């Protein structure tokens, strides 16, 4: 490991970490699922024969699918409380998991209900399918919604994601809203659990209307208000390292955004070739009342076009999001471990985290150290340390292991550790930290690998 270091910061008092509401929220979500099953239990009489059991299983799956659709859309709403307290990465994983549950429940609902109806009518499965789709109320709309949800599920599978562009996936994903809307009405029209039960019907409406309100407010009205209020435009673009560029965005009253070092926004640059894509980039410097800065590595079509942005280009932003902030700290000592462009949120934290702070920056060579001059200046100013893990003269990669970390930081278990970098790198560092007996509650990172 090749290292360069400066002085050490003076200690400061510890900070208390906020308690994550993930556990209670999950309990609420599972309670809602139990309540959906209870709707079937309390609204169903005796179950007789194979047809009754098949139909009952289909209706249970349908109720759970309807509930999962509401949860799925709610997790897409980007509610700030969830994004900041639970974490954008965890919410994204919950959304992906809810999507898989929803598709499985949807297919089970269709298969069991059609099989039960066919057994009850002593008809073929094909005949029953045609009858239900063409003659039952609201079933044409529900069928269209089913096709849309399955399309979203197929394009969201990891193998399909690798073969399609982000833009294609994103716009297909938006069909979820239309699919849920189209499928909603047949739930009330054909669901025996709602017929003649005004309280159950009212609760189902409240669930869906509440989720719709969250989406309208946080996905539409809040971004419109933010961008009308702050009038963001590109101020300048600077090269930081080969293939790495910083974009400075100027706006009005940016202190009102409440953005924190370590957080990110979703950025849509209204320039040629970029206006149809919204991409998350972290702040690479503490926000100022009139300026925000991001630092981007040219890895894909969108990021490769960022260096071509011209000053004055309008910017549409949504956020701030993310919980990789100082609020996670439990100690007065912090270790920041970055790789590649993962330095961006940690550079902002390096300047602002209280107490004793050390930054370990992994890169191929000195020429790839984006923002290196700033890091050195910050280290001198606040008396912190910067360590570099660079490839050797023959390209050999330095290993970040439990042993090397303990050797560099004898009191490592007493540090809060912030990690940001490629998924594989973050996973390797996480395992090394756990092997070095760093408590899990003191390891902070956000991963969007689903």
Protein backbone atom coordinates (compact mmCIF):
# COMPACT_ATOMS: atom_id res chain seq x y z
CA UNK A 1 0.00 0.00 0.00
CA UNK A 2 1.51 3.30 -1.08
CA UNK A 3 0.55 6.06 1.32
CA UNK A 4 0.98 9.77 1.79
CA UNK A 5 -0.23 11.30 5.02
CA UNK A 6 -0.52 14.60 6.81
CA UNK A 7 -1.27 15.54 10.40
CA UNK A 8 -3.97 14.28 12.75
CA UNK A 9 -7.12 16.09 13.85
CA UNK A 10 -7.92 16.93 17.43
CA UNK A 11 -10.72 14.81 18.90
CA UNK A 12 -14.19 16.15 19.41
CA UNK A 13 -17.24 14.90 21.27
CA UNK A 14 -19.16 11.90 19.89
CA UNK A 15 -22.39 12.31 17.98
CA UNK A 16 -25.50 10.25 18.60
CA UNK A 17 -26.74 8.26 15.63
CA UNK A 18 -30.34 8.55 14.66
CA UNK A 19 -32.31 5.38 15.15
CA UNK A 20 -33.41 3.94 11.82
CA UNK A 21 -37.17 3.44 11.47
CA UNK A 22 -36.63 0.45 9.16
CA UNK A 23 -37.74 -2.14 11.72
CA UNK A 24 -41.00 -0.45 12.74
CA UNK A 25 -41.78 0.39 9.11
CA UNK A 26 -41.30 -3.22 8.03
CA UNK A 27 -43.57 -4.29 10.88
CA UNK A 28 -46.25 -1.92 9.59
CA UNK A 29 -45.89 -3.24 6.05
CA UNK A 30 -46.19 -6.86 7.15
CA UNK A 31 -49.17 -5.94 9.35
CA UNK A 32 -50.83 -4.53 6.23
CA UNK A 33 -50.24 -7.85 4.46
CA UNK A 34 -51.80 -9.69 7.40
CA UNK A 35 -54.75 -7.30 7.25
CA UNK A 36 -55.22 -8.13 3.57
CA UNK A 37 -55.43 -11.83 4.37
CA UNK A 38 -57.84 -11.01 7.20
CA UNK A 39 -60.15 -9.40 4.62
CA UNK A 40 -60.48 -12.76 2.91
CA UNK A 41 -60.84 -14.66 6.19
CA UNK A 42 -63.63 -12.48 7.55
CA UNK A 43 -65.41 -12.12 4.21
CA UNK A 44 -65.41 -15.75 3.16
CA UNK A 45 -67.84 -18.43 4.25
CA UNK A 46 -67.14 -22.14 4.02
CA UNK A 47 -64.74 -23.37 1.35
CA UNK A 48 -66.03 -26.45 -0.43
CA UNK A 49 -64.26 -28.71 -2.90
CA UNK A 50 -61.27 -28.22 -5.15
CA UNK A 51 -62.92 -25.31 -6.96
CA UNK A 52 -63.47 -23.49 -3.68
CA UNK A 53 -59.92 -24.02 -2.52
CA UNK A 54 -58.46 -22.90 -5.85
CA UNK A 55 -60.65 -19.82 -5.97
CA UNK A 56 -59.86 -19.01 -2.33
CA UNK A 57 -56.12 -19.28 -2.95
CA UNK A 58 -56.51 -17.03 -5.99
CA UNK A 59 -58.41 -14.42 -4.01
CA UNK A 60 -55.86 -14.41 -1.21
CA UNK A 61 -53.10 -13.96 -3.78
CA UNK A 62 -55.15 -11.21 -5.43
CA UNK A 63 -55.63 -9.30 -2.17
CA UNK A 64 -51.94 -9.59 -1.35
CA UNK A 65 -51.07 -8.54 -4.91
CA UNK A 66 -53.35 -5.50 -4.64
CA UNK A 67 -51.72 -4.55 -1.34
CA UNK A 68 -48.22 -5.16 -2.78
CA UNK A 69 -49.05 -2.87 -5.72
CA UNK A 70 -49.79 -0.04 -3.30
CA UNK A 71 -46.55 -0.71 -1.38
CA UNK A 72 -44.61 -0.92 -4.65
CA UNK A 73 -45.84 2.49 -5.79
CA UNK A 74 -45.38 4.00 -2.33
CA UNK A 75 -41.72 2.98 -2.35
CA UNK A 76 -41.36 4.73 -5.73
CA UNK A 77 -42.63 8.00 -4.28
CA UNK A 78 -39.22 9.13 -2.94
CA UNK A 79 -40.63 10.20 0.39
CA UNK A 80 -37.85 12.29 2.04
CA UNK A 81 -38.32 10.67 5.47
CA UNK A 82 -37.69 7.22 4.01
CA UNK A 83 -34.89 8.37 1.71
CA UNK A 84 -32.98 10.11 4.50
CA UNK A 85 -33.74 7.91 7.52
CA UNK A 86 -34.05 4.44 6.03
CA UNK A 87 -31.67 5.12 3.14
CA UNK A 88 -32.21 5.41 -0.59
CA UNK A 89 -30.35 2.16 -1.22
CA UNK A 90 -32.48 0.16 1.22
CA UNK A 91 -35.69 1.68 -0.13
CA UNK A 92 -34.56 0.74 -3.66
CA UNK A 93 -33.94 -2.85 -2.56
CA UNK A 94 -37.33 -2.99 -0.83
CA UNK A 95 -38.92 -1.72 -4.02
CA UNK A 96 -37.18 -4.39 -6.08
CA UNK A 97 -38.25 -7.09 -3.62
CA UNK A 98 -41.82 -5.80 -3.57
CA UNK A 99 -41.79 -5.92 -7.37
CA UNK A 100 -40.80 -9.59 -7.37
CA UNK A 101 -43.48 -10.41 -4.78
CA UNK A 102 -46.06 -8.49 -6.80
CA UNK A 103 -45.37 -10.36 -10.04
CA UNK A 104 -45.40 -13.75 -8.30
CA UNK A 105 -48.67 -12.96 -6.51
CA UNK A 106 -50.20 -11.62 -9.72
CA UNK A 107 -49.40 -14.80 -11.65
CA UNK A 108 -50.65 -16.96 -8.76
CA UNK A 109 -53.87 -14.93 -8.59
CA UNK A 110 -54.56 -15.36 -12.31
CA UNK A 111 -53.70 -19.06 -12.36
CA UNK A 112 -55.65 -20.08 -9.24
CA UNK A 113 -58.74 -18.01 -9.96
CA UNK A 114 -59.04 -19.19 -13.55
CA UNK A 115 -58.44 -22.81 -12.49
CA UNK A 116 -61.06 -22.49 -9.75
CA UNK A 117 -63.65 -20.92 -12.06
CA UNK A 118 -62.98 -23.57 -14.71
CA UNK A 119 -63.44 -26.37 -12.17
CA UNK A 120 -66.63 -24.77 -10.88
CA UNK A 121 -68.12 -24.35 -14.40
CA UNK A 122 -66.70 -27.66 -15.68
CA UNK A 123 -65.18 -25.74 -18.59
CA UNK A 124 -61.78 -25.71 -20.22
CA UNK A 125 -59.20 -23.28 -18.91
CA UNK A 126 -59.09 -21.48 -22.28
CA UNK A 127 -62.88 -21.08 -22.40
CA UNK A 128 -62.93 -19.74 -18.84
CA UNK A 129 -60.12 -17.29 -19.60
CA UNK A 130 -61.96 -15.85 -22.61
CA UNK A 131 -65.19 -15.60 -20.63
CA UNK A 132 -63.59 -13.82 -17.69
CA UNK A 133 -61.58 -11.38 -19.80
CA UNK A 134 -64.39 -10.44 -22.20
CA UNK A 135 -67.49 -10.57 -20.01
CA UNK A 136 -66.56 -9.83 -16.40
CA UNK A 137 -66.71 -6.14 -15.31
CA UNK A 138 -63.47 -4.16 -15.59
CA UNK A 139 -61.53 -7.25 -16.67
CA UNK A 140 -60.32 -5.80 -19.98
CA UNK A 141 -58.66 -2.98 -18.06
CA UNK A 142 -57.29 -5.44 -15.51
CA UNK A 143 -55.89 -7.62 -18.29
CA UNK A 144 -54.11 -4.63 -19.83
CA UNK A 145 -52.72 -3.77 -16.40
CA UNK A 146 -51.52 -7.36 -15.94
CA UNK A 147 -49.67 -7.29 -19.25
CA UNK A 148 -48.01 -4.00 -18.29
CA UNK A 149 -46.91 -5.26 -14.87
CA UNK A 150 -45.44 -8.41 -16.36
CA UNK A 151 -43.58 -6.29 -18.94
CA UNK A 152 -42.17 -4.15 -16.14
CA UNK A 153 -41.14 -7.28 -14.24
CA UNK A 154 -39.43 -8.83 -17.27
CA UNK A 155 -37.46 -5.68 -18.12
CA UNK A 156 -36.47 -5.26 -14.47
CA UNK A 157 -34.86 -8.69 -14.27
CA UNK A 158 -31.10 -8.41 -13.95
CA UNK A 159 -30.39 -10.24 -17.20
CA UNK A 160 -32.74 -7.93 -19.13
CA UNK A 161 -31.36 -4.80 -17.46
CA UNK A 162 -27.88 -5.63 -18.73
CA UNK A 163 -29.16 -5.75 -22.31
CA UNK A 164 -31.27 -2.58 -22.36
CA UNK A 165 -30.50 1.09 -21.93
CA UNK A 166 -31.36 2.89 -18.74
CA UNK A 167 -33.75 5.15 -20.61
CA UNK A 168 -35.72 2.19 -22.02
CA UNK A 169 -35.92 0.54 -18.61
CA UNK A 170 -36.94 3.79 -16.93
CA UNK A 171 -39.82 4.59 -19.27
CA UNK A 172 -41.11 1.00 -19.25
CA UNK A 173 -40.92 1.16 -15.45
CA UNK A 174 -43.27 4.14 -15.47
CA UNK A 175 -45.97 1.81 -16.84
CA UNK A 176 -46.32 0.58 -13.26
CA UNK A 177 -48.52 3.59 -12.49
CA UNK A 178 -50.85 2.89 -15.42
CA UNK A 179 -50.94 -0.83 -14.62
CA UNK A 180 -51.94 -0.27 -11.00
CA UNK A 181 -54.61 2.24 -12.02
CA UNK A 182 -56.12 -0.11 -14.61
CA UNK A 183 -56.14 -3.09 -12.24
CA UNK A 184 -57.61 -1.23 -9.28
CA UNK A 185 -61.25 -1.16 -10.31
CA UNK A 186 -61.72 -4.89 -10.89
CA UNK A 187 -60.56 -5.48 -7.30
CA UNK A 188 -63.65 -3.73 -5.99
CA UNK A 189 -66.01 -4.89 -8.73
CA UNK A 190 -65.18 -8.61 -8.41
CA UNK A 191 -63.77 -8.92 -4.91
CA UNK A 192 -66.28 -10.63 -2.63
CA UNK A 193 -64.32 -9.24 0.30
CA UNK A 194 -65.49 -5.72 -0.62
CA UNK A 195 -69.09 -6.32 -1.73
CA UNK A 196 -71.45 -5.01 0.93
CA UNK A 197 -68.54 -4.07 3.23
CA UNK A 198 -68.23 -0.27 3.17
CA UNK A 199 -65.48 -0.14 5.82
CA UNK A 200 -63.22 -2.51 3.89
CA UNK A 201 -63.92 -0.61 0.66
CA UNK A 202 -63.16 2.72 2.33
CA UNK A 203 -59.86 1.39 3.73
CA UNK A 204 -58.83 0.10 0.30
CA UNK A 205 -59.63 3.45 -1.28
CA UNK A 206 -57.72 5.22 1.50
CA UNK A 207 -54.68 3.01 0.90
CA UNK A 208 -54.57 3.72 -2.83
CA UNK A 209 -55.47 7.39 -2.59
CA UNK A 210 -52.85 7.90 0.12
CA UNK A 211 -50.16 6.33 -2.03
CA UNK A 212 -51.31 8.36 -5.04
CA UNK A 213 -51.06 11.53 -2.96
CA UNK A 214 -47.46 10.68 -2.00
CA UNK A 215 -46.52 10.16 -5.65
CA UNK A 216 -48.21 13.36 -6.84
CA UNK A 217 -46.64 15.42 -4.08
CA UNK A 218 -43.10 14.07 -3.99
CA UNK A 219 -42.62 12.99 -7.62
CA UNK A 220 -44.41 15.89 -9.33
CA UNK A 221 -45.30 18.91 -7.19
CA UNK A 222 -42.18 19.01 -4.99
CA UNK A 223 -39.74 18.83 -7.95
CA UNK A 224 -41.73 21.50 -9.82
CA UNK A 225 -41.61 23.76 -6.79
CA UNK A 226 -37.88 23.11 -6.25
CA UNK A 227 -36.92 23.96 -9.81
CA UNK A 228 -39.19 26.98 -10.10
CA UNK A 229 -37.86 28.32 -6.82
CA UNK A 230 -34.14 27.70 -7.30
CA UNK A 231 -33.67 28.16 -11.09
CA UNK A 232 -30.67 25.87 -11.49
CA UNK A 233 -28.23 26.36 -14.37
CA UNK A 234 -24.79 25.03 -15.23
CA UNK A 235 -22.19 27.53 -14.09
CA UNK A 236 -19.00 25.78 -15.24
CA UNK A 237 -17.43 22.42 -16.06
CA UNK A 238 -13.89 21.48 -14.98
CA UNK A 239 -11.72 18.41 -15.60
CA UNK A 240 -10.47 16.84 -12.36
CA UNK A 241 -8.69 13.74 -13.72
CA UNK A 242 -8.68 11.71 -16.96
CA UNK A 243 -12.36 11.11 -17.72
CA UNK A 244 -13.54 12.82 -14.53
CA UNK A 245 -15.29 16.21 -14.59
CA UNK A 246 -16.87 18.49 -12.03
CA UNK A 247 -20.04 20.39 -12.87
CA UNK A 248 -20.80 23.51 -10.84
CA UNK A 249 -24.50 24.37 -10.74
CA UNK A 250 -25.65 27.83 -9.76
CA UNK A 251 -29.06 28.64 -8.30
CA UNK A 252 -31.00 30.83 -5.90
CA UNK A 253 -31.57 30.21 -2.18
CA UNK A 254 -29.92 26.80 -2.34
CA UNK A 255 -29.50 26.77 1.44
CA UNK A 256 -33.26 26.19 1.61
CA UNK A 257 -32.82 22.76 -0.01
CA UNK A 258 -31.51 21.31 3.22
CA UNK A 259 -28.85 19.32 1.32
CA UNK A 260 -26.19 17.62 3.44
CA UNK A 261 -22.66 16.51 2.57
CA UNK A 262 -22.87 12.87 1.48
CA UNK A 263 -26.27 13.22 -0.19
CA UNK A 264 -27.14 13.13 -3.87
CA UNK A 265 -29.65 14.61 -6.30
CA UNK A 266 -31.16 13.21 -9.46
CA UNK A 267 -30.00 15.51 -12.26
CA UNK A 268 -31.57 16.15 -15.65
CA UNK A 269 -29.52 18.52 -17.81
CA UNK A 270 -31.76 20.18 -20.37
CA UNK A 271 -29.13 20.13 -23.06
CA UNK A 272 -28.83 18.20 -26.29
CA UNK A 273 -28.85 14.43 -25.73
CA UNK A 274 -29.34 14.69 -21.96
CA UNK A 275 -32.85 16.04 -21.34
CA UNK A 276 -34.53 12.61 -21.39
CA UNK A 277 -32.34 11.06 -18.71
CA UNK A 278 -32.39 11.67 -14.96
CA UNK A 279 -29.23 10.37 -13.27
CA UNK A 280 -28.14 10.35 -9.60
CA UNK A 281 -24.87 12.13 -8.81
CA UNK A 282 -23.56 12.91 -5.32
CA UNK A 283 -22.50 16.34 -4.18
CA UNK A 284 -18.72 16.49 -4.27
CA UNK A 285 -18.45 19.58 -2.07
CA UNK A 286 -20.53 20.98 0.78
CA UNK A 287 -23.47 22.92 -0.66
CA UNK A 288 -23.28 26.71 -0.70
CA UNK A 289 -26.19 29.17 -0.74
CA UNK A 290 -25.66 29.77 -4.47
CA UNK A 291 -23.65 26.77 -5.73
CA UNK A 292 -23.81 22.98 -5.85
CA UNK A 293 -21.11 20.77 -7.31
CA UNK A 294 -21.08 17.22 -8.61
CA UNK A 295 -18.16 15.22 -9.99
CA UNK A 296 -18.82 12.68 -12.74
CA UNK A 297 -16.75 9.92 -14.34
CA UNK A 298 -17.46 9.24 -18.00
CA UNK A 299 -18.70 5.64 -17.82
CA UNK A 300 -21.78 5.66 -20.06
CA UNK A 301 -23.56 7.69 -22.71
CA UNK A 302 -25.00 10.17 -20.21
CA UNK A 303 -21.91 10.73 -18.09
CA UNK A 304 -19.73 10.91 -21.23
CA UNK A 305 -21.87 13.81 -22.48
CA UNK A 306 -21.60 15.77 -19.22
CA UNK A 307 -18.23 17.38 -20.14
CA UNK A 308 -19.93 18.91 -23.21
CA UNK A 309 -22.38 20.90 -21.09
CA UNK A 310 -22.30 24.63 -21.72
CA UNK A 311 -22.59 27.31 -19.05
CA UNK A 312 -26.16 28.51 -18.81
CA UNK A 313 -27.71 25.08 -19.57
CA UNK A 314 -30.85 24.67 -17.51
CA UNK A 315 -30.87 21.91 -14.90
CA UNK A 316 -33.82 19.99 -13.47
CA UNK A 317 -32.97 18.43 -10.11
CA UNK A 318 -34.79 16.26 -7.58
CA UNK A 319 -33.62 15.71 -4.03
CA UNK A 320 -31.71 15.75 -1.83
CA UNK A 321 -31.66 11.99 -1.23
CA UNK A 322 -29.48 9.57 0.69
CA UNK A 323 -28.47 8.96 4.29
CA UNK A 324 -24.68 8.72 4.00
CA UNK A 325 -24.31 11.77 6.23
CA UNK A 326 -22.76 12.83 9.52
CA UNK A 327 -25.98 11.82 11.27
CA UNK A 328 -24.82 8.19 11.08
CA UNK A 329 -21.73 8.87 13.20
CA UNK A 330 -21.51 7.23 16.62
CA UNK A 331 -17.90 8.15 17.46
CA UNK A 332 -15.58 11.17 17.31
CA UNK A 333 -13.26 9.18 15.00
CA UNK A 334 -14.12 8.49 11.37
CA UNK A 335 -12.42 6.59 8.56
CA UNK A 336 -13.55 7.30 5.00
CA UNK A 337 -12.67 4.65 2.39
CA UNK A 338 -13.22 5.59 -1.27
CA UNK A 339 -12.42 4.07 -4.64
CA UNK A 340 -12.56 5.80 -8.01
CA UNK A 341 -15.37 8.29 -8.40
CA UNK A 342 -16.72 7.08 -5.05
CA UNK A 343 -14.58 9.87 -3.65
CA UNK A 344 -17.33 12.40 -4.48
CA UNK A 345 -19.62 12.11 -1.42
CA UNK A 346 -16.69 11.30 0.87
CA UNK A 347 -14.81 14.43 -0.23
CA UNK A 348 -17.75 16.51 1.05
CA UNK A 349 -17.83 14.51 4.29
CA UNK A 350 -14.04 14.80 4.67
CA UNK A 351 -14.42 18.55 4.91
CA UNK A 352 -17.38 18.59 7.29
CA UNK A 353 -17.34 15.53 9.59
CA UNK A 354 -16.50 16.55 13.13
CA UNK A 355 -13.70 15.04 15.15
CA UNK A 356 -10.72 12.95 14.03
CA UNK A 357 -11.04 12.05 10.34
CA UNK A 358 -8.87 9.91 8.05
CA UNK A 359 -9.47 9.34 4.34
CA UNK A 360 -8.18 6.26 2.50
CA UNK A 361 -8.41 6.73 -1.28
CA UNK A 362 -7.97 3.75 -3.63
CA UNK A 363 -6.98 4.54 -7.26
CA UNK A 364 -4.89 3.03 -10.04
CA UNK A 365 -2.31 5.80 -10.09
CA UNK A 366 -1.59 9.33 -8.98
CA UNK A 367 -3.07 10.72 -12.22
CA UNK A 368 -6.43 9.12 -11.35
CA UNK A 369 -6.77 10.87 -7.98
CA UNK A 370 -9.74 13.12 -8.70
CA UNK A 371 -9.97 16.10 -6.33
CA UNK A 372 -6.58 15.15 -4.88
CA UNK A 373 -5.43 18.75 -4.50
CA UNK A 374 -8.58 19.65 -2.59
CA UNK A 375 -8.17 16.66 -0.29
CA UNK A 376 -4.62 17.68 0.58
CA UNK A 377 -5.73 21.26 1.23
CA UNK A 378 -8.58 20.11 3.47
CA UNK A 379 -6.24 17.77 5.36
CA UNK A 380 -3.79 20.62 6.04
CA UNK A 381 -6.57 23.00 7.02
CA UNK A 382 -8.27 20.72 9.53
CA UNK A 383 -5.28 18.58 10.55
CA UNK A 384 -6.68 15.36 9.12
CA UNK A 385 -4.96 12.48 7.33
CA UNK A 386 -5.10 11.36 3.71
CA UNK A 387 -3.84 7.91 2.74
CA UNK A 388 -3.58 6.67 -0.84
CA UNK A 389 -3.72 3.04 -1.95
CA UNK A 390 -2.22 3.09 -5.46
CA UNK A 391 -1.15 0.36 -7.85
CA UNK A 392 2.51 -0.58 -7.80
CA UNK A 393 4.94 0.13 -10.66
CA UNK A 394 3.96 -3.15 -12.37
CA UNK A 395 0.25 -2.59 -11.89
CA UNK A 396 -0.08 -4.78 -8.80
CA UNK A 397 -3.14 -3.82 -6.74
CA UNK A 398 -2.71 -3.14 -3.01
CA UNK A 399 -4.98 -5.29 -0.87
CA UNK A 400 -7.21 -3.71 1.73
CA UNK A 401 -7.51 -6.51 4.26
CA UNK A 402 -8.43 -6.83 7.91
CA UNK A 403 -4.74 -7.15 8.76
CA UNK A 404 -3.65 -4.07 6.78
CA UNK A 405 -6.48 -2.02 8.23
CA UNK A 406 -5.68 -3.06 11.81
CA UNK A 407 -2.01 -2.30 11.21
CA UNK A 408 -2.83 1.22 9.97
CA UNK A 409 -5.55 1.82 12.58
CA UNK A 410 -4.91 -0.08 15.83
CA UNK A 411 -8.14 1.34 17.27
CA UNK A 412 -10.15 0.61 14.11
CA UNK A 413 -13.13 -0.87 15.99
CA UNK A 414 -13.69 2.52 17.60
CA UNK A 415 -14.10 4.31 14.24
CA UNK A 416 -17.15 5.05 12.18
CA UNK A 417 -16.28 3.86 8.68
CA UNK A 418 -17.87 5.36 5.56
CA UNK A 419 -17.43 3.41 2.30
CA UNK A 420 -18.12 4.55 -1.25
CA UNK A 421 -16.96 2.92 -4.46
CA UNK A 422 -17.83 0.18 -6.95
CA UNK A 423 -20.07 -2.54 -5.57
CA UNK A 424 -17.39 -5.24 -5.52
CA UNK A 425 -14.90 -2.93 -3.82
CA UNK A 426 -17.45 -1.91 -1.17
CA UNK A 427 -18.33 -5.55 -0.47
CA UNK A 428 -14.66 -6.52 -0.09
CA UNK A 429 -13.98 -3.62 2.26
CA UNK A 430 -17.10 -4.39 4.27
CA UNK A 431 -15.98 -8.01 4.76
CA UNK A 432 -12.49 -6.84 5.75
CA UNK A 433 -13.95 -4.43 8.31
CA UNK A 434 -16.17 -7.10 9.81
CA UNK A 435 -13.18 -9.47 9.99
CA UNK A 436 -11.32 -6.67 11.80
CA UNK A 437 -14.17 -6.66 14.38
CA UNK A 438 -15.65 -3.31 13.40
CA UNK A 439 -19.29 -3.35 14.61
CA UNK A 440 -21.82 -3.43 11.79
CA UNK A 441 -23.57 -0.36 13.22
CA UNK A 442 -20.38 1.64 12.60
CA UNK A 443 -20.00 0.69 8.93
CA UNK A 444 -21.89 3.13 6.72
CA UNK A 445 -22.40 2.74 2.97
CA UNK A 446 -25.10 2.93 0.35
CA UNK A 447 -25.32 0.27 -2.33
CA UNK A 448 -27.82 0.31 -5.23
CA UNK A 449 -26.91 -3.14 -6.51
CA UNK A 450 -30.27 -4.98 -6.63
